[in-house]
Amino acid sequence: MNVHTLKMFNTGQITLPKSWRKKFNTKHFVAKETENGLLIQPMIQDEDVVYYEDEGGCGLHFPKGIDPQILINAINEIDGED
């Protein structure tokens, strides 16, 4: 596992190391606060999940559909339920 120190600029932006940008090949990341600090994860797009942004906002599109249990689990996680 590679570890890097990231610098935050006055605008609040951070720069990811070039090796990570090339490895994950995405411009979209999710930042999540955890008990141990911040977790930054790449949003990898494939044929099953497509990330989009437009004038109305942003979100995920599932062109082939999604298993309802996956949605239920995600909602429960957001709500803090087991």
Protein backbone atom coordinates (compact mmCIF):
# COMPACT_ATOMS: atom_id res chain seq x y z
CA MET A 1 0.00 0.00 0.00
CA ASN A 2 1.37 3.40 -0.98
CA VAL A 3 1.21 6.26 1.53
CA HIS A 4 1.55 9.90 0.50
CA THR A 5 1.24 13.22 2.31
CA LEU A 6 -1.24 15.52 0.60
CA LYS A 7 -1.02 19.30 0.69
CA MET A 8 -4.13 21.48 0.91
CA PHE A 9 -4.05 24.78 -0.93
CA ASN A 10 -5.75 28.05 0.14
CA THR A 11 -8.75 27.13 -1.99
CA GLY A 12 -9.26 23.89 -0.02
CA GLN A 13 -8.10 21.75 -2.92
CA ILE A 14 -5.71 18.84 -2.52
CA THR A 15 -3.65 17.20 -5.23
CA LEU A 16 -3.52 13.44 -5.52
CA PRO A 17 -0.21 11.89 -6.56
CA LYS A 18 0.09 11.27 -10.30
CA SER A 19 0.50 7.52 -9.75
CA TRP A 20 -2.92 7.38 -8.05
CA ARG A 21 -4.57 9.52 -10.74
CA LYS A 22 -3.25 7.16 -13.41
CA LYS A 23 -4.07 4.00 -11.46
CA PHE A 24 -7.74 4.83 -10.83
CA ASN A 25 -8.38 6.68 -14.13
CA THR A 26 -11.26 8.81 -12.81
CA LYS A 27 -11.83 12.46 -12.00
CA HIS A 28 -14.53 11.73 -9.41
CA PHE A 29 -13.89 10.76 -5.80
CA VAL A 30 -16.04 10.32 -2.71
CA ALA A 31 -14.79 11.82 0.56
CA LYS A 32 -16.27 10.30 3.69
CA GLU A 33 -15.69 11.21 7.33
CA THR A 34 -14.88 8.15 9.46
CA GLU A 35 -13.89 7.66 13.10
CA ASN A 36 -10.25 7.59 11.93
CA GLY A 37 -10.45 10.74 9.79
CA LEU A 38 -11.22 11.25 6.11
CA LEU A 39 -11.50 8.42 3.61
CA ILE A 40 -11.12 9.34 -0.08
CA GLN A 41 -12.26 6.71 -2.56
CA PRO A 42 -12.26 6.81 -6.36
CA MET A 43 -15.59 6.50 -8.16
CA ILE A 44 -14.75 3.85 -10.72
CA GLN A 45 -17.18 3.81 -13.62
CA ASP A 46 -18.05 0.67 -15.48
CA GLU A 47 -20.93 -0.58 -17.58
CA ASP A 48 -23.06 -1.26 -14.47
CA VAL A 49 -22.72 2.14 -12.73
CA VAL A 50 -22.29 5.54 -14.38
CA TYR A 51 -21.61 8.75 -12.42
CA TYR A 52 -23.14 11.90 -13.90
CA GLU A 53 -23.21 15.63 -13.23
CA ASP A 54 -25.53 18.13 -14.88
CA GLU A 55 -27.28 21.41 -14.09
CA GLY A 56 -29.73 19.53 -11.84
CA GLY A 57 -27.04 17.96 -9.66
CA CYS A 58 -25.14 14.70 -9.67
CA GLY A 59 -25.77 11.04 -9.03
CA LEU A 60 -25.38 7.47 -10.16
CA HIS A 61 -27.19 5.83 -13.07
CA PHE A 62 -27.61 2.05 -13.28
CA PRO A 63 -28.34 1.31 -16.97
CA LYS A 64 -28.78 -2.43 -16.27
CA GLY A 65 -30.76 -1.93 -13.03
CA ILE A 66 -29.66 -2.68 -9.46
CA ASP A 67 -30.46 -5.34 -6.89
CA PRO A 68 -32.96 -3.78 -4.44
CA GLN A 69 -31.11 -5.29 -1.46
CA ILE A 70 -28.02 -3.26 -2.38
CA LEU A 71 -30.12 -0.08 -2.14
CA ILE A 72 -31.68 -1.16 1.15
CA ASN A 73 -28.23 -1.87 2.62
CA ALA A 74 -26.89 1.51 1.43
CA ILE A 75 -29.88 3.37 2.91
CA ASN A 76 -29.51 1.52 6.20
CA GLU A 77 -25.80 2.37 6.31
CA ILE A 78 -26.54 6.05 5.72
CA ASP A 79 -29.22 5.96 8.44
CA GLY A 80 -26.81 4.21 10.82
CA GLU A 81 -28.81 1.01 11.03
CA ASP A 82 -27.42 -2.52 10.92
